Amino acid sequence: MPNFTQNIQKIASKLLSEGTVTAVIGFQDSTIPNIAAPVIVQKEEEIHRLSWGNHCWVNLANYLTPETNRVGIVAKGCDAR
């Protein structure tokens, strides 16, 4: 099984380091069982917070605002539509 967390972290790190995006909206592990919490990462040092698993069910597009500029988002297929 592919390691989605590592792939997400690698891509997010590249996008932030190149200046393509100013932030990445994704999921992080939560202290609440069976729930992944939304997280906004703005620095490469924070990339380790991003994770992916079976409990990533929140639609992160809800965190986008009209003022949002150059933000990467970890979107599931159903949310990307």
C-alpha atoms as a PDB file:
ATOM      1  CA  MET A   1       0.000   0.000   0.000  1.00  0.00           C
ATOM      2  CA  PRO A   2       1.440   3.395  -0.909  1.00  0.00           C
ATOM      3  CA  ASN A   3       2.385   5.739   1.883  1.00  0.00           C
ATOM      4  CA  PHE A   4       0.078   8.666   1.177  1.00  0.00           C
ATOM      5  CA  THR A   5       1.320  10.650   4.173  1.00  0.00           C
ATOM      6  CA  GLN A   6       4.910  10.673   2.909  1.00  0.00           C
ATOM      7  CA  ASN A   7       3.787  11.616  -0.603  1.00  0.00           C
ATOM      8  CA  ILE A   8       1.633  14.475   0.691  1.00  0.00           C
ATOM      9  CA  GLN A   9       4.470  15.761   2.880  1.00  0.00           C
ATOM     10  CA  LYS A  10       6.954  15.564  -0.004  1.00  0.00           C
ATOM     11  CA  ILE A  11       4.698  17.463  -2.417  1.00  0.00           C
ATOM     12  CA  ALA A  12       3.716  20.059   0.201  1.00  0.00           C
ATOM     13  CA  SER A  13       7.373  20.641   1.069  1.00  0.00           C
ATOM     14  CA  LYS A  14       8.242  21.161  -2.591  1.00  0.00           C
ATOM     15  CA  LEU A  15       5.363  23.593  -3.153  1.00  0.00           C
ATOM     16  CA  LEU A  16       6.223  25.645  -0.064  1.00  0.00           C
ATOM     17  CA  SER A  17       9.976  25.728  -0.749  1.00  0.00           C
ATOM     18  CA  GLU A  18       9.472  26.846  -4.369  1.00  0.00           C
ATOM     19  CA  GLY A  19       7.008  29.529  -3.285  1.00  0.00           C
ATOM     20  CA  THR A  20       4.258  28.060  -5.454  1.00  0.00           C
ATOM     21  CA  VAL A  21       1.897  28.218  -2.461  1.00  0.00           C
ATOM     22  CA  THR A  22       1.954  30.201   0.771  1.00  0.00           C
ATOM     23  CA  ALA A  23       0.159  27.492   2.778  1.00  0.00           C
ATOM     24  CA  VAL A  24      -1.148  23.936   2.532  1.00  0.00           C
ATOM     25  CA  ILE A  25      -4.463  22.909   4.070  1.00  0.00           C
ATOM     26  CA  GLY A  26      -4.483  19.254   5.062  1.00  0.00           C
ATOM     27  CA  PHE A  27      -5.118  16.817   7.887  1.00  0.00           C
ATOM     28  CA  GLN A  28      -3.194  16.062  11.065  1.00  0.00           C
ATOM     29  CA  ASP A  29      -3.541  13.357  13.680  1.00  0.00           C
ATOM     30  CA  SER A  30      -6.021  14.282  16.382  1.00  0.00           C
ATOM     31  CA  THR A  31      -6.286  13.500  20.065  1.00  0.00           C
ATOM     32  CA  ILE A  32      -9.906  12.492  19.431  1.00  0.00           C
ATOM     33  CA  PRO A  33     -10.179   8.859  18.280  1.00  0.00           C
ATOM     34  CA  ASN A  34     -11.351   8.216  14.707  1.00  0.00           C
ATOM     35  CA  ILE A  35     -11.085  11.856  13.633  1.00  0.00           C
ATOM     36  CA  ALA A  36      -8.379  13.643  11.675  1.00  0.00           C
ATOM     37  CA  ALA A  37      -8.176  17.354  12.423  1.00  0.00           C
ATOM     38  CA  PRO A  38      -7.727  20.029   9.748  1.00  0.00           C
ATOM     39  CA  VAL A  39      -4.382  21.841   9.795  1.00  0.00           C
ATOM     40  CA  ILE A  40      -2.885  24.764   7.892  1.00  0.00           C
ATOM     41  CA  VAL A  41       0.859  24.440   7.288  1.00  0.00           C
ATOM     42  CA  GLN A  42       2.756  27.573   6.277  1.00  0.00           C
ATOM     43  CA  LYS A  43       6.391  26.595   6.893  1.00  0.00           C
ATOM     44  CA  GLU A  44       8.472  23.650   5.758  1.00  0.00           C
ATOM     45  CA  GLU A  45       9.289  22.932   9.410  1.00  0.00           C
ATOM     46  CA  GLU A  46       5.595  22.128   9.977  1.00  0.00           C
ATOM     47  CA  ILE A  47       5.301  19.573   7.158  1.00  0.00           C
ATOM     48  CA  HIS A  48       5.588  16.662   9.617  1.00  0.00           C
ATOM     49  CA  ARG A  49       2.131  17.604  10.945  1.00  0.00           C
ATOM     50  CA  LEU A  50       0.432  16.552   7.685  1.00  0.00           C
ATOM     51  CA  SER A  51      -0.999  13.025   7.678  1.00  0.00           C
ATOM     52  CA  TRP A  52      -3.475  10.891   5.765  1.00  0.00           C
ATOM     53  CA  GLY A  53      -5.643   7.987   6.890  1.00  0.00           C
ATOM     54  CA  ASN A  54      -9.108   6.485   6.996  1.00  0.00           C
ATOM     55  CA  HIS A  55     -10.434   9.254   9.229  1.00  0.00           C
ATOM     56  CA  CYS A  56      -9.811  12.162   6.856  1.00  0.00           C
ATOM     57  CA  TRP A  57     -13.447  12.875   6.055  1.00  0.00           C
ATOM     58  CA  VAL A  58     -13.827  16.647   6.524  1.00  0.00           C
ATOM     59  CA  ASN A  59     -14.192  18.717   3.330  1.00  0.00           C
ATOM     60  CA  LEU A  60     -11.159  21.004   3.540  1.00  0.00           C
ATOM     61  CA  ALA A  61     -12.541  23.245   0.790  1.00  0.00           C
ATOM     62  CA  ASN A  62     -14.698  24.768   3.549  1.00  0.00           C
ATOM     63  CA  TYR A  63     -11.535  26.439   4.851  1.00  0.00           C
ATOM     64  CA  LEU A  64     -11.012  28.415   1.641  1.00  0.00           C
ATOM     65  CA  THR A  65     -12.166  32.029   1.618  1.00  0.00           C
ATOM     66  CA  PRO A  66     -12.461  34.571  -1.207  1.00  0.00           C
ATOM     67  CA  GLU A  67      -9.271  36.171   0.138  1.00  0.00           C
ATOM     68  CA  THR A  68      -7.362  32.872  -0.024  1.00  0.00           C
ATOM     69  CA  ASN A  69      -4.381  33.289  -2.307  1.00  0.00           C
ATOM     70  CA  ARG A  70      -2.051  30.553  -3.576  1.00  0.00           C
ATOM     71  CA  VAL A  71      -3.016  27.825  -1.132  1.00  0.00           C
ATOM     72  CA  GLY A  72      -2.541  24.116  -1.674  1.00  0.00           C
ATOM     73  CA  ILE A  73      -5.266  21.825  -0.422  1.00  0.00           C
ATOM     74  CA  VAL A  74      -5.302  18.082   0.219  1.00  0.00           C
ATOM     75  CA  ALA A  75      -8.646  17.313  -1.412  1.00  0.00           C
ATOM     76  CA  LYS A  76     -10.355  13.972  -1.695  1.00  0.00           C
ATOM     77  CA  GLY A  77     -11.847  13.155  -5.095  1.00  0.00           C
ATOM     78  CA  CYS A  78     -15.393  13.825  -3.925  1.00  0.00           C
ATOM     79  CA  ASP A  79     -14.368  17.226  -2.555  1.00  0.00           C
ATOM     80  CA  ALA A  80     -12.406  18.237  -5.647  1.00  0.00           C
ATOM     81  CA  ARG A  81     -15.560  18.052  -7.765  1.00  0.00           C
END
